[in-house]
Amino acid sequence: MEGERPGRHVGEPPLHAHRARRLGHLLTHLYMPLFLALAVLFGVWAIRSLGGDPPSPWALAVLALLFAVLALLALAVFSALHHRHRDH
């Protein structure tokens, strides 16, 4: 067909789709453990910190919750990428 690169088979996803999938896998494999580790770190820090010391335990707990939510979002992206890759 006109406008397609030579050597590409019909029904094959474009090259940028493969790159996007690889980038998505890399980011989820890198960021999911990082976000999870930061959530645990801030959670433990919040539990062990005293009320009068800066940063406050509430601020640390909010950071722990934020990183836990980001880890769950990364897990959802990984799950979607894995499900999409398994279908093809």
Protein backbone atom coordinates (compact mmCIF):
# COMPACT_ATOMS: atom_id res chain seq x y z
CA MET A 1 0.00 0.00 0.00
CA GLU A 2 1.01 3.56 -0.51
CA GLY A 3 2.74 5.26 2.44
CA GLU A 4 3.77 2.03 4.17
CA ARG A 5 7.34 1.02 4.65
CA PRO A 6 8.62 -1.81 2.44
CA GLY A 7 8.91 -5.25 3.98
CA ARG A 8 6.08 -4.76 6.43
CA HIS A 9 3.48 -7.50 6.41
CA VAL A 10 -0.25 -6.85 6.37
CA GLY A 11 -1.63 -6.79 9.91
CA GLU A 12 1.77 -6.20 11.49
CA PRO A 13 1.78 -3.28 13.94
CA PRO A 14 3.92 -0.31 12.98
CA LEU A 15 7.45 -0.04 14.32
CA HIS A 16 6.54 2.71 16.80
CA ALA A 17 3.99 0.36 18.40
CA HIS A 18 6.76 -2.13 19.18
CA ARG A 19 8.91 0.65 20.61
CA ALA A 20 6.04 1.95 22.73
CA ARG A 21 5.37 -1.54 24.08
CA ARG A 22 9.04 -2.07 24.93
CA LEU A 23 9.18 1.34 26.61
CA GLY A 24 6.02 0.56 28.58
CA HIS A 25 7.48 -2.73 29.80
CA LEU A 26 10.75 -1.04 30.74
CA LEU A 27 8.99 1.71 32.66
CA THR A 28 6.70 -0.65 34.54
CA HIS A 29 9.56 -3.02 35.40
CA LEU A 30 11.62 -0.07 36.62
CA TYR A 31 9.02 2.13 38.31
CA MET A 32 6.73 -0.43 39.93
CA PRO A 33 9.43 -1.77 42.30
CA LEU A 34 10.75 1.76 42.86
CA PHE A 35 7.32 3.13 43.81
CA LEU A 36 6.66 0.12 46.02
CA ALA A 37 10.01 0.53 47.81
CA LEU A 38 9.37 4.24 48.34
CA ALA A 39 5.88 3.52 49.71
CA VAL A 40 7.35 1.06 52.21
CA LEU A 41 10.19 3.44 53.09
CA PHE A 42 7.88 6.40 53.76
CA GLY A 43 5.40 4.17 55.56
CA VAL A 44 8.03 2.84 57.95
CA TRP A 45 9.42 6.36 58.43
CA ALA A 46 5.93 7.64 59.22
CA ILE A 47 5.38 4.89 61.80
CA ARG A 48 8.73 5.51 63.51
CA SER A 49 8.69 9.33 63.45
CA LEU A 50 7.63 11.38 66.42
CA GLY A 51 4.79 13.90 66.22
CA GLY A 52 6.96 16.98 66.84
CA ASP A 53 9.75 16.16 64.38
CA PRO A 54 9.70 17.54 60.85
CA PRO A 55 8.48 16.08 58.54
CA SER A 56 5.29 15.18 60.30
CA PRO A 57 4.07 11.58 60.37
CA TRP A 58 0.96 12.67 58.43
CA ALA A 59 3.05 14.11 55.59
CA LEU A 60 5.11 10.93 55.44
CA ALA A 61 1.96 8.80 55.46
CA VAL A 62 0.54 10.86 52.58
CA LEU A 63 3.77 10.31 50.62
CA ALA A 64 3.60 6.58 51.36
CA LEU A 65 0.01 6.49 50.14
CA LEU A 66 0.90 8.45 47.00
CA PHE A 67 3.70 6.05 46.09
CA ALA A 68 1.48 3.05 46.85
CA VAL A 69 -1.13 4.42 44.41
CA LEU A 70 1.58 5.02 41.79
CA ALA A 71 2.79 1.43 42.26
CA LEU A 72 -0.78 0.18 41.74
CA LEU A 73 -1.10 2.29 38.58
CA ALA A 74 2.18 0.87 37.28
CA LEU A 75 0.87 -2.61 38.04
CA ALA A 76 -2.32 -1.83 36.09
CA VAL A 77 -0.29 -0.60 33.11
CA PHE A 78 1.86 -3.74 33.27
CA SER A 79 -1.24 -5.90 33.41
CA ALA A 80 -2.77 -4.14 30.41
CA LEU A 81 0.46 -4.43 28.41
CA HIS A 82 0.83 -8.09 29.33
CA HIS A 83 -2.79 -8.82 28.42
CA ARG A 84 -2.47 -6.98 25.08
CA HIS A 85 0.80 -8.74 24.28
CA ARG A 86 -0.71 -12.15 25.09
CA ASP A 87 -3.62 -11.52 22.70
CA HIS A 88 -1.27 -10.88 19.75
